Amino acid sequence: MRPFTGAAGVVFALIELIRHESLEEVRQHVVVQQLELLANNAICWANDIGSLEKEMVEQNPHNLVLVLQADQSLALDEALARAVAMQSAEEDAFDALAGSLRDYAGLSSPAVLGYVADLGSFVRGNFVWMQETMRYRARLSMRSYGSAAA
């Protein structure tokens, strides 16, 4: 349910307003929907990793790390490592799929490429924001976010 509880999906819809163009057809393509899911997961899971301590204090069990810990009977550090690996894998999959758009019929239009570039910018922008926000700084210093840090 995590893709539905974060605000990333709402922001994705706002890209259409920012670009001043209808992206309804673009957003209905299964490959673009997969890219949206990957971006959403990367953003939400990064948030869960970064806000782990805060959510533990608040006793909020709806954090990827805490869900993995409970569901898979892991120690906290093991659950955190698994969450970091999952988040990094989503970013890598996003980058790979975004890089292969020209291989799919109808996905090399400026509207599609622009929208996907904006999704990638949001993933990277979220990481930069998290680096500059005290709420996340301690957790982010422990890991690398792969290509999103570039």
Protein backbone atom coordinates (compact mmCIF):
# COMPACT_ATOMS: atom_id res chain seq x y z
CA MET A 1 0.00 0.00 0.00
CA ARG A 2 3.03 2.33 0.30
CA PRO A 3 2.64 3.81 -3.20
CA PHE A 4 -0.78 5.07 -2.17
CA THR A 5 0.22 6.56 1.18
CA GLY A 6 3.03 8.84 -0.01
CA ALA A 7 2.54 12.13 -1.81
CA ALA A 8 4.67 11.21 -4.82
CA GLY A 9 1.73 10.15 -6.97
CA VAL A 10 0.05 13.49 -6.42
CA VAL A 11 3.21 15.31 -7.45
CA PHE A 12 3.46 13.15 -10.57
CA ALA A 13 0.01 14.36 -11.58
CA LEU A 14 1.13 17.95 -11.06
CA ILE A 15 3.91 17.52 -13.63
CA GLU A 16 1.20 17.83 -16.27
CA LEU A 17 0.29 21.30 -14.98
CA ILE A 18 3.90 22.37 -14.81
CA ARG A 19 4.58 21.18 -18.37
CA HIS A 20 1.38 22.87 -19.66
CA GLU A 21 0.46 19.83 -21.70
CA SER A 22 -1.90 16.89 -21.45
CA LEU A 23 -0.06 13.75 -20.41
CA GLU A 24 -3.13 11.54 -20.04
CA GLU A 25 -2.14 9.22 -22.89
CA VAL A 26 1.49 9.19 -21.78
CA ARG A 27 0.55 8.23 -18.20
CA GLN A 28 -1.69 5.39 -19.40
CA HIS A 29 1.15 3.51 -21.11
CA VAL A 30 2.16 0.45 -19.09
CA VAL A 31 5.88 1.28 -19.32
CA VAL A 32 5.28 4.81 -18.03
CA GLN A 33 3.12 3.41 -15.23
CA GLN A 34 5.98 1.07 -14.31
CA LEU A 35 8.35 4.04 -14.25
CA GLU A 36 5.93 5.92 -11.98
CA LEU A 37 5.79 2.95 -9.61
CA LEU A 38 9.57 2.64 -9.52
CA ALA A 39 9.97 6.38 -8.87
CA ASN A 40 7.25 6.31 -6.22
CA ASN A 41 8.86 3.36 -4.44
CA ALA A 42 12.31 4.97 -4.58
CA ILE A 43 10.97 8.18 -3.06
CA CYS A 44 8.75 6.61 -0.40
CA TRP A 45 11.29 4.02 0.64
CA ALA A 46 14.03 6.66 0.90
CA ASN A 47 11.67 8.58 3.16
CA ASP A 48 11.11 5.47 5.28
CA ILE A 49 14.85 4.89 5.61
CA GLY A 50 15.52 8.52 6.43
CA SER A 51 12.71 8.89 8.94
CA LEU A 52 13.21 5.54 10.69
CA GLU A 53 14.28 6.93 14.08
CA LYS A 54 11.44 9.47 14.12
CA GLU A 55 8.86 6.82 13.27
CA MET A 56 10.26 4.44 15.88
CA VAL A 57 9.86 7.17 18.52
CA GLU A 58 6.32 7.81 17.30
CA GLN A 59 5.66 4.04 17.32
CA ASN A 60 4.53 4.25 13.70
CA PRO A 61 4.68 0.70 12.31
CA HIS A 62 4.04 1.83 8.71
CA ASN A 63 7.68 2.18 7.75
CA LEU A 64 9.32 -0.16 5.25
CA VAL A 65 12.18 -0.99 7.60
CA LEU A 66 9.83 -1.81 10.47
CA VAL A 67 7.50 -3.80 8.20
CA LEU A 68 10.45 -5.86 6.93
CA GLN A 69 11.69 -6.36 10.48
CA ALA A 70 8.32 -7.66 11.68
CA ASP A 71 7.31 -9.58 8.56
CA GLN A 72 10.63 -11.35 8.02
CA SER A 73 11.74 -11.63 11.67
CA LEU A 74 14.89 -9.58 11.05
CA ALA A 75 17.09 -7.63 13.39
CA LEU A 76 16.70 -3.89 12.88
CA ASP A 77 20.07 -3.52 11.14
CA GLU A 78 19.21 -6.41 8.79
CA ALA A 79 15.85 -4.87 7.97
CA LEU A 80 17.51 -1.51 7.34
CA ALA A 81 20.08 -3.11 5.02
CA ARG A 82 17.31 -4.89 3.12
CA ALA A 83 15.32 -1.66 2.79
CA VAL A 84 18.39 0.20 1.52
CA ALA A 85 19.01 -2.55 -1.05
CA MET A 86 15.38 -2.49 -2.15
CA GLN A 87 15.37 1.29 -2.49
CA SER A 88 18.61 1.31 -4.44
CA ALA A 89 17.31 -1.46 -6.72
CA GLU A 90 14.19 0.62 -7.51
CA GLU A 91 16.38 3.56 -8.55
CA ASP A 92 18.58 1.29 -10.67
CA ALA A 93 15.50 -0.25 -12.33
CA PHE A 94 14.05 3.22 -12.97
CA ASP A 95 17.30 4.38 -14.60
CA ALA A 96 17.53 1.24 -16.74
CA LEU A 97 13.92 1.39 -17.91
CA ALA A 98 14.06 5.14 -18.52
CA GLY A 99 17.24 4.60 -20.55
CA SER A 100 15.50 2.04 -22.76
CA LEU A 101 12.41 4.08 -23.68
CA ARG A 102 13.45 4.37 -27.32
CA ASP A 103 13.18 0.56 -27.53
CA TYR A 104 9.40 0.76 -27.01
CA ALA A 105 7.04 1.78 -29.79
CA GLY A 106 5.58 5.23 -29.21
CA LEU A 107 7.72 6.09 -26.20
CA SER A 108 10.32 8.29 -27.82
CA SER A 109 8.10 11.35 -28.18
CA PRO A 110 9.19 14.60 -26.53
CA ALA A 111 6.16 14.40 -24.18
CA VAL A 112 7.12 10.93 -22.91
CA LEU A 113 10.83 11.68 -22.65
CA GLY A 114 10.13 14.98 -20.90
CA TYR A 115 7.72 13.42 -18.42
CA VAL A 116 10.12 10.60 -17.59
CA ALA A 117 12.97 13.09 -17.20
CA ASP A 118 10.76 15.02 -14.76
CA LEU A 119 10.08 11.81 -12.80
CA GLY A 120 13.82 11.21 -12.56
CA SER A 121 14.36 14.81 -11.48
CA PHE A 122 11.82 14.34 -8.71
CA VAL A 123 13.59 11.19 -7.47
CA ARG A 124 16.94 13.02 -7.44
CA GLY A 125 15.41 16.21 -6.05
CA ASN A 126 13.88 14.25 -3.19
CA PHE A 127 17.32 12.86 -2.37
CA VAL A 128 18.89 16.34 -2.40
CA TRP A 129 16.11 17.69 -0.21
CA MET A 130 16.60 14.81 2.20
CA GLN A 131 20.35 15.49 2.37
CA GLU A 132 19.69 19.11 3.29
CA THR A 133 16.94 18.39 5.82
CA MET A 134 18.02 17.75 9.40
CA ARG A 135 15.28 15.14 9.79
CA TYR A 136 17.13 12.81 7.40
CA ARG A 137 20.78 13.82 7.63
CA ALA A 138 21.99 11.15 10.09
CA ARG A 139 20.39 8.25 8.22
CA LEU A 140 21.50 9.40 4.77
CA SER A 141 25.11 9.70 5.80
CA MET A 142 25.13 5.90 6.26
CA ARG A 143 24.46 5.00 2.63
CA SER A 144 24.81 5.88 -1.01
CA TYR A 145 21.80 6.36 -3.23
CA GLY A 146 23.54 5.12 -6.37
CA SER A 147 22.70 6.95 -9.55
CA ALA A 148 20.29 9.32 -7.83
CA ALA A 149 23.20 10.96 -6.04
CA ALA A 150 24.78 11.92 -9.35
